[in-house]
Amino acid sequence: MLPFDLVEKLAPSQHELEQYRQKLRAGQRKNRLIIVSLSLIFIALIAFAYRIQSPELAICSIIGLCSPFIYASFCNNSPETLYQNAYKQMINPVLLQHFSSELHYDPDHGLPSSDLAESKLFTGSIDRYSSTDLVSGTYGKTKFRFSQVSAEELHKQTSSRGGSRTYYTIIFQGLLFIADFNKNFSGHTYVRTDFAEKHLGNLGRFLQEHNLSSDEVVQLENPEFEKAFAVYTNNQVEARYILTPAMMDNLLDLRQRCITETQYSFHDSSITVAIANSTLLFTPNFKCPATNNEQLEAIYNQLDFFLSIINDLDLNTRIWSKE
């Protein structure tokens, strides 16, 4: 539930944004009316030219029919995007500051593609990448950053007739969360969704153990964790130092809370959490009034959920070497 003082604080901004939204919607309706009207006029002229058998008028009318689309191209700033950007600038930073004054929000920037690549959680070349809604700062004792991420790989397909086409496939789409871990370590350990064992059973386990990378499979004494994840590392001792029974339970609990594919990477004394998600986060609905507090609460709860990962994984409990 939204804190009452936060609702009061944001009310003036919400009313200002609602006026802006109504103005944008009015402009949108006006533009649509102009486009439809111009289209109907030139379609009528084409029909008239056909009736009187005037090729010159028909050609001019067909060319004129392009004008609505030219007009639409000049209105390329989407009212929805303009509104959402304004909302994010005015509302989201205030929501975030309610959790801590040490938190920062940048709607236009995100994590670099190198952060995703260095996690080594996904295979494939990152050929098209975007990232927005960067949240960063220190929460408790833990430095962190997270943002929405979309990464795609380019493919080229050649047909038997010699033709070719290019297309993209999604490598990862969702939220990427990176935080300082509460223990020092120098190696890397990856906790990936275990598709092989889940679908292939013992054959899947065999394929894990004979993977082509230099990393070794880690066998852990937690059947539920083993069923959900495949763990790889370049340091068996360090992997067990990181993946304590409590940490394995925490990672399983977080996966259950996310209700989606969740994977983890431990490297350079930090943890990366990749949470698959295809819906826009921290973003208002243009069709919904800016004064709607249910929408406000939904964004507040999203921020709360991702910030709570720090407590869920007990990252603020510092081991003596990380004080």
Protein backbone atom coordinates (compact mmCIF):
# COMPACT_ATOMS: atom_id res chain seq x y z
CA MET A 1 0.00 0.00 0.00
CA LEU A 2 1.24 3.48 -0.85
CA PRO A 3 2.37 5.56 2.14
CA PHE A 4 -0.08 8.40 2.71
CA ASP A 5 2.62 11.10 2.86
CA LEU A 6 3.93 9.95 -0.54
CA VAL A 7 0.44 10.16 -2.07
CA GLU A 8 0.06 13.72 -0.75
CA LYS A 9 3.50 14.72 -1.99
CA LEU A 10 2.88 13.44 -5.52
CA ALA A 11 -0.71 14.69 -5.93
CA PRO A 12 0.24 18.12 -7.46
CA SER A 13 2.57 16.45 -9.99
CA GLN A 14 -0.12 13.92 -10.87
CA HIS A 15 -2.65 16.69 -11.57
CA GLU A 16 -0.11 18.56 -13.72
CA LEU A 17 0.64 15.37 -15.65
CA GLU A 18 -3.05 14.66 -16.15
CA GLN A 19 -3.52 18.08 -17.77
CA TYR A 20 -0.55 17.32 -20.03
CA ARG A 21 -1.98 13.88 -20.88
CA GLN A 22 -5.36 15.38 -21.79
CA LYS A 23 -3.63 17.96 -23.99
CA LEU A 24 -1.65 15.24 -25.78
CA ARG A 25 -4.76 13.10 -26.27
CA ALA A 26 -6.64 16.10 -27.73
CA GLY A 27 -3.76 16.73 -30.14
CA GLN A 28 -3.72 13.05 -31.05
CA ARG A 29 -7.45 13.10 -31.84
CA LYS A 30 -7.00 16.26 -33.92
CA ASN A 31 -4.16 14.71 -35.95
CA ARG A 32 -6.17 11.57 -36.58
CA LEU A 33 -9.12 13.66 -37.78
CA ILE A 34 -6.87 15.60 -40.18
CA ILE A 35 -5.33 12.42 -41.57
CA VAL A 36 -8.71 10.71 -42.06
CA SER A 37 -10.27 13.84 -43.60
CA LEU A 38 -7.42 14.31 -46.09
CA SER A 39 -7.52 10.63 -47.01
CA LEU A 40 -11.28 10.73 -47.66
CA ILE A 41 -10.97 13.92 -49.76
CA PHE A 42 -8.34 12.44 -52.06
CA ILE A 43 -10.14 9.10 -52.31
CA ALA A 44 -13.26 11.00 -53.37
CA LEU A 45 -11.22 12.93 -55.95
CA ILE A 46 -9.80 9.69 -57.36
CA ALA A 47 -13.33 8.31 -57.69
CA PHE A 48 -14.49 11.54 -59.34
CA ALA A 49 -11.53 11.50 -61.75
CA TYR A 50 -12.38 7.93 -62.73
CA ARG A 51 -16.00 8.92 -63.32
CA ILE A 52 -15.16 11.86 -65.61
CA GLN A 53 -12.24 9.90 -67.12
CA SER A 54 -9.60 12.49 -66.25
CA PRO A 55 -6.13 10.84 -66.01
CA GLU A 56 -4.49 14.11 -64.93
CA LEU A 57 -6.86 14.57 -61.98
CA ALA A 58 -6.51 10.91 -61.05
CA ILE A 59 -2.69 11.14 -60.98
CA CYS A 60 -2.76 14.36 -58.94
CA SER A 61 -5.26 12.82 -56.51
CA ILE A 62 -3.17 9.67 -56.08
CA ILE A 63 -0.11 11.83 -55.35
CA GLY A 64 -2.23 13.93 -52.99
CA LEU A 65 -3.29 10.77 -51.16
CA CYS A 66 0.29 10.54 -49.91
CA SER A 67 -0.10 13.85 -48.04
CA PRO A 68 -1.84 12.36 -44.97
CA PHE A 69 1.06 9.96 -44.53
CA ILE A 70 3.59 12.77 -44.97
CA TYR A 71 1.70 14.76 -42.34
CA ALA A 72 1.72 11.74 -40.02
CA SER A 73 5.51 11.43 -40.42
CA PHE A 74 5.94 15.02 -39.17
CA CYS A 75 3.94 14.05 -36.09
CA ASN A 76 6.59 11.44 -35.28
CA ASN A 77 6.84 12.29 -31.58
CA SER A 78 4.42 9.76 -30.14
CA PRO A 79 2.09 11.41 -27.58
CA GLU A 80 2.32 8.19 -25.57
CA THR A 81 6.12 8.38 -25.44
CA LEU A 82 6.09 12.09 -24.57
CA TYR A 83 3.69 11.46 -21.69
CA GLN A 84 5.56 8.43 -20.38
CA ASN A 85 8.86 10.32 -20.43
CA ALA A 86 7.30 13.22 -18.50
CA TYR A 87 5.75 10.86 -15.95
CA LYS A 88 9.04 9.04 -15.42
CA GLN A 89 10.88 12.32 -14.92
CA MET A 90 8.38 13.72 -12.42
CA ILE A 91 7.07 10.68 -10.53
CA ASN A 92 9.56 7.83 -10.52
CA PRO A 93 12.50 9.70 -8.88
CA VAL A 94 10.21 10.75 -6.00
CA LEU A 95 8.99 7.16 -5.55
CA LEU A 96 12.57 5.93 -5.47
CA GLN A 97 13.77 8.61 -3.03
CA HIS A 98 11.07 7.42 -0.63
CA PHE A 99 13.08 4.21 -0.14
CA SER A 100 16.41 5.99 0.34
CA SER A 101 17.99 9.35 -0.44
CA GLU A 102 21.04 7.46 -1.77
CA LEU A 103 19.16 6.06 -4.76
CA HIS A 104 19.21 7.55 -8.27
CA TYR A 105 16.95 7.07 -11.29
CA ASP A 106 17.73 7.77 -14.96
CA PRO A 107 14.88 6.85 -17.33
CA ASP A 108 16.91 7.45 -20.51
CA HIS A 109 19.96 5.30 -19.73
CA GLY A 110 20.62 1.75 -18.61
CA LEU A 111 23.33 -0.82 -18.07
CA PRO A 112 25.94 -1.21 -20.83
CA SER A 113 25.88 -4.37 -22.95
CA SER A 114 29.23 -5.35 -21.40
CA ASP A 115 27.44 -6.01 -18.08
CA LEU A 116 25.25 -8.62 -19.77
CA ALA A 117 28.16 -10.12 -21.72
CA GLU A 118 30.39 -10.38 -18.64
CA SER A 119 27.70 -12.26 -16.73
CA LYS A 120 28.22 -15.15 -19.20
CA LEU A 121 24.66 -16.30 -18.52
CA PHE A 122 23.66 -16.21 -22.17
CA THR A 123 25.23 -17.43 -25.38
CA GLY A 124 25.11 -15.59 -28.68
CA SER A 125 26.45 -12.34 -30.07
CA ILE A 126 24.81 -9.14 -28.81
CA ASP A 127 24.10 -7.41 -32.13
CA ARG A 128 21.21 -5.17 -31.10
CA TYR A 129 20.91 -3.82 -27.57
CA SER A 130 18.87 -1.32 -25.61
CA SER A 131 18.60 -0.52 -21.92
CA THR A 132 16.53 2.04 -20.00
CA ASP A 133 15.32 2.96 -16.51
CA LEU A 134 18.64 2.80 -14.68
CA VAL A 135 18.31 2.61 -10.90
CA SER A 136 21.55 2.81 -8.91
CA GLY A 137 22.97 3.72 -5.53
CA THR A 138 23.60 2.20 -2.13
CA TYR A 139 20.85 0.39 -0.25
CA GLY A 140 21.88 -0.41 3.29
CA LYS A 141 25.54 -1.41 2.91
CA THR A 142 25.17 -2.68 -0.66
CA LYS A 143 26.04 -0.84 -3.85
CA PHE A 144 23.86 -1.93 -6.76
CA ARG A 145 22.45 -0.99 -10.15
CA PHE A 146 19.68 -2.39 -12.30
CA SER A 147 17.79 -1.57 -15.48
CA GLN A 148 15.55 -2.97 -18.17
CA VAL A 149 17.51 -4.72 -20.91
CA SER A 150 16.79 -6.08 -24.38
CA ALA A 151 19.54 -7.97 -26.23
CA GLU A 152 19.20 -9.62 -29.63
CA GLU A 153 21.39 -11.64 -31.99
CA LEU A 154 21.44 -11.09 -35.76
CA HIS A 155 21.01 -14.12 -38.03
CA LYS A 156 21.37 -14.42 -41.78
CA GLN A 157 19.51 -17.17 -43.60
CA THR A 158 20.21 -18.16 -47.20
CA SER A 159 17.59 -19.98 -49.26
CA SER A 160 18.20 -22.74 -51.81
CA ARG A 161 17.48 -20.22 -54.57
CA GLY A 162 20.30 -17.97 -53.45
CA GLY A 163 18.17 -15.36 -51.71
CA SER A 164 18.85 -14.31 -48.15
CA ARG A 165 17.11 -12.67 -45.25
CA THR A 166 18.24 -11.33 -41.91
CA TYR A 167 16.35 -11.55 -38.66
CA TYR A 168 16.91 -11.12 -34.93
CA THR A 169 16.32 -13.50 -32.05
CA ILE A 170 16.08 -12.47 -28.41
CA ILE A 171 19.06 -13.39 -26.23
CA PHE A 172 17.63 -11.79 -23.12
CA GLN A 173 14.76 -9.46 -22.36
CA GLY A 174 14.01 -8.43 -18.82
CA LEU A 175 15.63 -6.84 -15.81
CA LEU A 176 19.37 -7.10 -15.11
CA PHE A 177 20.34 -6.53 -11.47
CA ILE A 178 23.99 -6.19 -10.35
CA ALA A 179 25.07 -5.80 -6.74
CA ASP A 180 28.16 -5.95 -4.59
CA PHE A 181 28.25 -9.43 -2.99
CA ASN A 182 28.76 -9.82 0.75
CA LYS A 183 31.87 -12.00 0.29
CA ASN A 184 35.14 -11.49 -1.55
CA PHE A 185 36.01 -13.97 -4.32
CA SER A 186 38.17 -13.89 -7.44
CA GLY A 187 36.68 -16.61 -9.67
CA HIS A 188 33.35 -16.97 -11.39
CA THR A 189 30.32 -19.16 -10.78
CA TYR A 190 27.21 -19.27 -12.98
CA VAL A 191 23.81 -20.50 -11.89
CA ARG A 192 21.77 -21.10 -15.04
CA THR A 193 18.30 -22.49 -15.55
CA ASP A 194 18.74 -26.26 -15.93
CA PHE A 195 16.93 -26.96 -19.19
CA ALA A 196 19.06 -30.04 -19.95
CA GLU A 197 18.36 -32.07 -16.83
CA LYS A 198 14.75 -30.88 -16.67
CA HIS A 199 13.97 -32.17 -20.17
CA LEU A 200 16.61 -34.89 -20.71
CA GLY A 201 17.10 -36.33 -17.21
CA ASN A 202 20.32 -38.32 -16.82
CA LEU A 203 21.33 -37.54 -20.41
CA GLY A 204 21.04 -33.87 -19.57
CA ARG A 205 23.29 -34.32 -16.54
CA PHE A 206 25.82 -36.14 -18.74
CA LEU A 207 25.81 -33.25 -21.24
CA GLN A 208 26.34 -30.77 -18.39
CA GLU A 209 29.34 -32.68 -17.12
CA HIS A 210 30.85 -32.85 -20.62
CA ASN A 211 30.26 -29.25 -21.67
CA LEU A 212 32.83 -27.74 -24.02
CA SER A 213 33.78 -24.80 -21.81
CA SER A 214 36.68 -24.90 -19.36
CA ASP A 215 34.28 -24.50 -16.42
CA GLU A 216 33.34 -27.44 -14.24
CA VAL A 217 29.88 -28.54 -13.18
CA VAL A 218 29.22 -28.11 -9.47
CA GLN A 219 27.22 -30.86 -7.75
CA LEU A 220 25.49 -29.49 -4.64
CA GLU A 221 23.70 -31.22 -1.81
CA ASN A 222 20.33 -29.62 -2.41
CA PRO A 223 18.06 -31.73 -4.66
CA GLU A 224 15.58 -28.91 -5.28
CA PHE A 225 18.37 -26.51 -6.27
CA GLU A 226 19.97 -29.16 -8.51
CA LYS A 227 16.64 -29.69 -10.22
CA ALA A 228 16.15 -25.99 -10.93
CA PHE A 229 19.67 -24.91 -11.88
CA ALA A 230 22.89 -26.03 -13.52
CA VAL A 231 25.94 -24.57 -11.78
CA TYR A 232 29.30 -24.02 -13.48
CA THR A 233 32.50 -22.63 -11.99
CA ASN A 234 36.23 -22.27 -12.44
CA ASN A 235 36.76 -22.82 -8.71
CA GLN A 236 34.88 -25.63 -6.93
CA VAL A 237 35.89 -24.51 -3.43
CA GLU A 238 34.87 -20.94 -4.08
CA ALA A 239 31.54 -22.01 -5.57
CA ARG A 240 30.66 -23.80 -2.34
CA TYR A 241 31.85 -20.79 -0.36
CA ILE A 242 29.34 -18.66 -2.30
CA LEU A 243 26.47 -21.16 -2.55
CA THR A 244 25.87 -21.93 1.10
CA PRO A 245 22.67 -23.80 2.05
CA ALA A 246 21.12 -20.46 3.07
CA MET A 247 22.10 -18.77 -0.22
CA MET A 248 20.69 -21.66 -2.27
CA ASP A 249 17.39 -21.37 -0.40
CA ASN A 250 17.39 -17.60 -0.99
CA LEU A 251 18.01 -18.03 -4.73
CA LEU A 252 15.19 -20.58 -4.98
CA ASP A 253 12.84 -18.30 -3.05
CA LEU A 254 13.66 -15.36 -5.32
CA ARG A 255 13.03 -17.50 -8.40
CA GLN A 256 9.65 -18.49 -7.00
CA ARG A 257 8.74 -14.87 -6.23
CA CYS A 258 9.66 -13.77 -9.74
CA ILE A 259 7.45 -16.49 -11.30
CA THR A 260 9.72 -16.42 -14.35
CA GLU A 261 13.11 -17.64 -15.53
CA THR A 262 15.75 -16.28 -13.15
CA GLN A 263 19.51 -16.85 -13.43
CA TYR A 264 22.52 -15.77 -11.39
CA SER A 265 26.18 -15.00 -12.03
CA PHE A 266 28.89 -14.50 -9.42
CA HIS A 267 32.09 -12.81 -10.59
CA ASP A 268 34.45 -10.03 -9.46
CA SER A 269 32.94 -10.14 -5.95
CA SER A 270 29.53 -9.18 -7.32
CA ILE A 271 26.26 -10.92 -8.15
CA THR A 272 24.25 -10.48 -11.33
CA VAL A 273 20.59 -11.48 -11.37
CA ALA A 274 18.86 -11.84 -14.76
CA ILE A 275 15.06 -11.85 -14.49
CA ALA A 276 13.25 -12.57 -17.75
CA ASN A 277 10.34 -10.21 -18.37
CA SER A 278 8.67 -9.05 -21.59
CA THR A 279 6.49 -6.28 -20.13
CA LEU A 280 7.46 -2.64 -19.65
CA LEU A 281 8.37 -1.77 -16.07
CA PHE A 282 8.15 1.59 -14.27
CA THR A 283 6.00 2.89 -17.14
CA PRO A 284 2.51 4.48 -16.94
CA ASN A 285 -0.37 3.60 -19.25
CA PHE A 286 -1.21 6.52 -21.57
CA LYS A 287 -4.88 5.53 -21.49
CA CYS A 288 -4.99 5.66 -17.69
CA PRO A 289 -5.38 9.00 -15.86
CA ALA A 290 -2.18 10.27 -14.26
CA THR A 291 -4.15 10.75 -11.04
CA ASN A 292 -4.87 7.00 -10.82
CA ASN A 293 -3.20 5.81 -7.60
CA GLU A 294 -3.48 2.13 -8.52
CA GLN A 295 -1.06 2.78 -11.38
CA LEU A 296 1.17 4.76 -9.03
CA GLU A 297 1.14 1.91 -6.54
CA ALA A 298 2.02 -0.62 -9.26
CA ILE A 299 5.22 1.28 -10.13
CA TYR A 300 6.02 1.75 -6.44
CA ASN A 301 5.63 -2.01 -5.89
CA GLN A 302 7.89 -2.78 -8.85
CA LEU A 303 10.65 -0.62 -7.39
CA ASP A 304 10.10 -2.17 -3.97
CA PHE A 305 10.29 -5.69 -5.41
CA PHE A 306 13.65 -5.20 -7.12
CA LEU A 307 15.17 -3.28 -4.22
CA SER A 308 14.10 -6.08 -1.89
CA ILE A 309 16.42 -8.48 -3.76
CA ILE A 310 19.21 -7.06 -1.59
CA ASN A 311 17.42 -8.16 1.57
CA ASP A 312 16.10 -11.38 0.04
CA LEU A 313 19.68 -12.49 -0.69
CA ASP A 314 20.93 -11.11 2.63
CA LEU A 315 23.53 -8.97 0.88
CA ASN A 316 23.63 -6.38 3.67
CA THR A 317 24.94 -9.01 6.08
CA ARG A 318 28.63 -8.41 5.54
CA ILE A 319 31.17 -11.18 6.00
CA TRP A 320 34.15 -9.91 8.02
CA SER A 321 36.36 -9.68 4.92
CA LYS A 322 33.85 -7.34 3.21
CA GLU A 323 33.34 -4.84 6.06
